[in-house]
Amino acid sequence: MNTKEFNTRKKPIVLIDKSLDFFNDKVLFPKKVEKANKMLKKIGLPKMKKTQ
């Protein structure tokens, strides 16, 4: 790919590392996930404003 073609692309080029699939089924921060779930149960999600 030359620089002219690279500069005219509308989408970014992203390379995904397949070795990170190892973490798909693991909870990396269990205390933070538990705290976030409690907050969502208590407070809920914020209301979204409708445009249009």
N, C-alpha and C. Protein backbone atom coordinates (compact mmCIF):
# COMPACT_ATOMS: atom_id res chain seq x y z
N MET A 1 0.85 -1.17 0.00
CA MET A 1 0.00 0.00 0.00
C MET A 1 0.90 1.24 0.00
N ASN A 2 0.67 2.10 -0.96
CA ASN A 2 1.49 3.31 -1.01
C ASN A 2 0.88 4.40 -0.12
N THR A 3 1.61 5.49 0.08
CA THR A 3 1.16 6.54 1.01
C THR A 3 -0.06 7.28 0.49
N LYS A 4 -0.19 7.41 -0.81
CA LYS A 4 -1.35 8.10 -1.37
C LYS A 4 -2.63 7.31 -1.07
N GLU A 5 -2.58 6.00 -1.25
CA GLU A 5 -3.73 5.15 -0.98
C GLU A 5 -4.03 5.12 0.52
N PHE A 6 -3.02 5.15 1.34
CA PHE A 6 -3.18 5.12 2.78
C PHE A 6 -3.88 6.40 3.28
N ASN A 7 -3.53 7.54 2.73
CA ASN A 7 -4.10 8.81 3.17
C ASN A 7 -5.55 9.00 2.74
N THR A 8 -6.02 8.28 1.73
CA THR A 8 -7.37 8.48 1.25
C THR A 8 -8.36 7.49 1.84
N ARG A 9 -7.91 6.58 2.67
CA ARG A 9 -8.80 5.60 3.29
C ARG A 9 -9.68 6.28 4.33
N LYS A 10 -10.91 5.85 4.41
CA LYS A 10 -11.86 6.43 5.37
C LYS A 10 -11.85 5.68 6.70
N LYS A 11 -11.45 4.42 6.69
CA LYS A 11 -11.47 3.61 7.90
C LYS A 11 -10.04 3.37 8.38
N PRO A 12 -9.85 3.32 9.70
CA PRO A 12 -8.51 3.03 10.21
C PRO A 12 -8.13 1.57 9.98
N ILE A 13 -6.86 1.33 9.89
CA ILE A 13 -6.35 -0.04 9.72
C ILE A 13 -6.03 -0.57 11.11
N VAL A 14 -6.68 -1.68 11.48
CA VAL A 14 -6.51 -2.27 12.81
C VAL A 14 -6.11 -3.72 12.65
N LEU A 15 -5.04 -4.11 13.35
CA LEU A 15 -4.61 -5.49 13.38
C LEU A 15 -4.98 -6.08 14.73
N ILE A 16 -5.68 -7.19 14.75
CA ILE A 16 -6.12 -7.82 15.98
C ILE A 16 -5.21 -9.00 16.29
N ASP A 17 -4.68 -9.00 17.49
CA ASP A 17 -3.78 -10.05 17.92
C ASP A 17 -4.61 -11.25 18.39
N LYS A 18 -4.48 -12.38 17.74
CA LYS A 18 -5.27 -13.57 18.05
C LYS A 18 -4.89 -14.19 19.40
N SER A 19 -3.72 -13.87 19.91
CA SER A 19 -3.32 -14.44 21.20
C SER A 19 -4.15 -13.87 22.34
N LEU A 20 -4.85 -12.76 22.14
CA LEU A 20 -5.69 -12.17 23.18
C LEU A 20 -7.00 -12.92 23.36
N ASP A 21 -7.31 -13.86 22.47
CA ASP A 21 -8.52 -14.68 22.62
C ASP A 21 -8.47 -15.52 23.89
N PHE A 22 -7.30 -15.68 24.44
CA PHE A 22 -7.10 -16.43 25.68
C PHE A 22 -7.92 -15.81 26.82
N PHE A 23 -8.13 -14.49 26.80
CA PHE A 23 -8.80 -13.77 27.87
C PHE A 23 -10.30 -13.63 27.68
N ASN A 24 -10.88 -14.21 26.64
CA ASN A 24 -12.30 -14.05 26.35
C ASN A 24 -13.21 -14.51 27.48
N ASP A 25 -12.93 -15.63 28.09
CA ASP A 25 -13.82 -16.21 29.10
C ASP A 25 -13.36 -15.96 30.52
N LYS A 26 -12.38 -15.06 30.72
CA LYS A 26 -11.86 -14.80 32.06
C LYS A 26 -12.28 -13.42 32.53
N VAL A 27 -12.61 -13.34 33.82
CA VAL A 27 -12.89 -12.05 34.43
C VAL A 27 -11.57 -11.54 35.01
N LEU A 28 -11.07 -10.43 34.46
CA LEU A 28 -9.76 -9.94 34.86
C LEU A 28 -9.82 -9.13 36.16
N PHE A 29 -10.92 -8.44 36.40
CA PHE A 29 -11.05 -7.60 37.58
C PHE A 29 -12.37 -7.94 38.29
N PRO A 30 -12.43 -9.04 39.03
CA PRO A 30 -13.70 -9.50 39.60
C PRO A 30 -14.30 -8.51 40.60
N LYS A 31 -13.49 -7.83 41.40
CA LYS A 31 -14.02 -6.87 42.37
C LYS A 31 -14.69 -5.70 41.67
N LYS A 32 -14.08 -5.22 40.60
CA LYS A 32 -14.65 -4.09 39.86
C LYS A 32 -15.93 -4.49 39.13
N VAL A 33 -15.96 -5.70 38.60
CA VAL A 33 -17.16 -6.19 37.91
C VAL A 33 -18.30 -6.33 38.91
N GLU A 34 -18.01 -6.84 40.10
CA GLU A 34 -19.03 -6.99 41.14
C GLU A 34 -19.57 -5.62 41.57
N LYS A 35 -18.68 -4.66 41.74
CA LYS A 35 -19.10 -3.31 42.14
C LYS A 35 -19.95 -2.66 41.04
N ALA A 36 -19.56 -2.83 39.79
CA ALA A 36 -20.32 -2.26 38.68
C ALA A 36 -21.70 -2.89 38.58
N ASN A 37 -21.80 -4.19 38.77
CA ASN A 37 -23.10 -4.88 38.73
C ASN A 37 -24.01 -4.40 39.85
N LYS A 38 -23.46 -4.19 41.05
CA LYS A 38 -24.26 -3.67 42.16
C LYS A 38 -24.79 -2.28 41.84
N MET A 39 -23.93 -1.44 41.28
CA MET A 39 -24.35 -0.08 40.95
C MET A 39 -25.42 -0.08 39.87
N LEU A 40 -25.30 -0.95 38.89
CA LEU A 40 -26.31 -1.02 37.84
C LEU A 40 -27.65 -1.51 38.37
N LYS A 41 -27.62 -2.44 39.31
CA LYS A 41 -28.87 -2.92 39.91
C LYS A 41 -29.53 -1.82 40.73
N LYS A 42 -28.73 -1.05 41.46
CA LYS A 42 -29.26 -0.02 42.34
C LYS A 42 -29.70 1.22 41.58
N ILE A 43 -28.88 1.71 40.68
CA ILE A 43 -29.12 2.99 40.00
C ILE A 43 -29.71 2.80 38.62
N GLY A 44 -29.20 1.84 37.88
CA GLY A 44 -29.65 1.60 36.52
C GLY A 44 -28.84 2.41 35.51
N LEU A 45 -29.21 2.25 34.27
CA LEU A 45 -28.52 2.98 33.19
C LEU A 45 -29.10 4.37 33.06
N PRO A 46 -28.31 5.35 32.59
CA PRO A 46 -28.85 6.69 32.40
C PRO A 46 -29.85 6.74 31.25
N LYS A 47 -30.80 7.64 31.35
CA LYS A 47 -31.79 7.80 30.30
C LYS A 47 -31.14 8.47 29.10
N MET A 48 -31.47 7.98 27.92
CA MET A 48 -30.92 8.53 26.68
C MET A 48 -31.88 9.57 26.13
N LYS A 49 -31.32 10.68 25.68
CA LYS A 49 -32.14 11.71 25.04
C LYS A 49 -32.39 11.30 23.61
N LYS A 50 -33.62 11.44 23.17
CA LYS A 50 -33.96 11.11 21.79
C LYS A 50 -33.76 12.35 20.93
N THR A 51 -33.06 12.17 19.83
CA THR A 51 -32.90 13.27 18.88
C THR A 51 -33.78 12.99 17.68
N GLN A 52 -34.34 14.01 17.15
CA GLN A 52 -35.26 14.00 16.00
C GLN A 52 -36.64 14.22 16.41
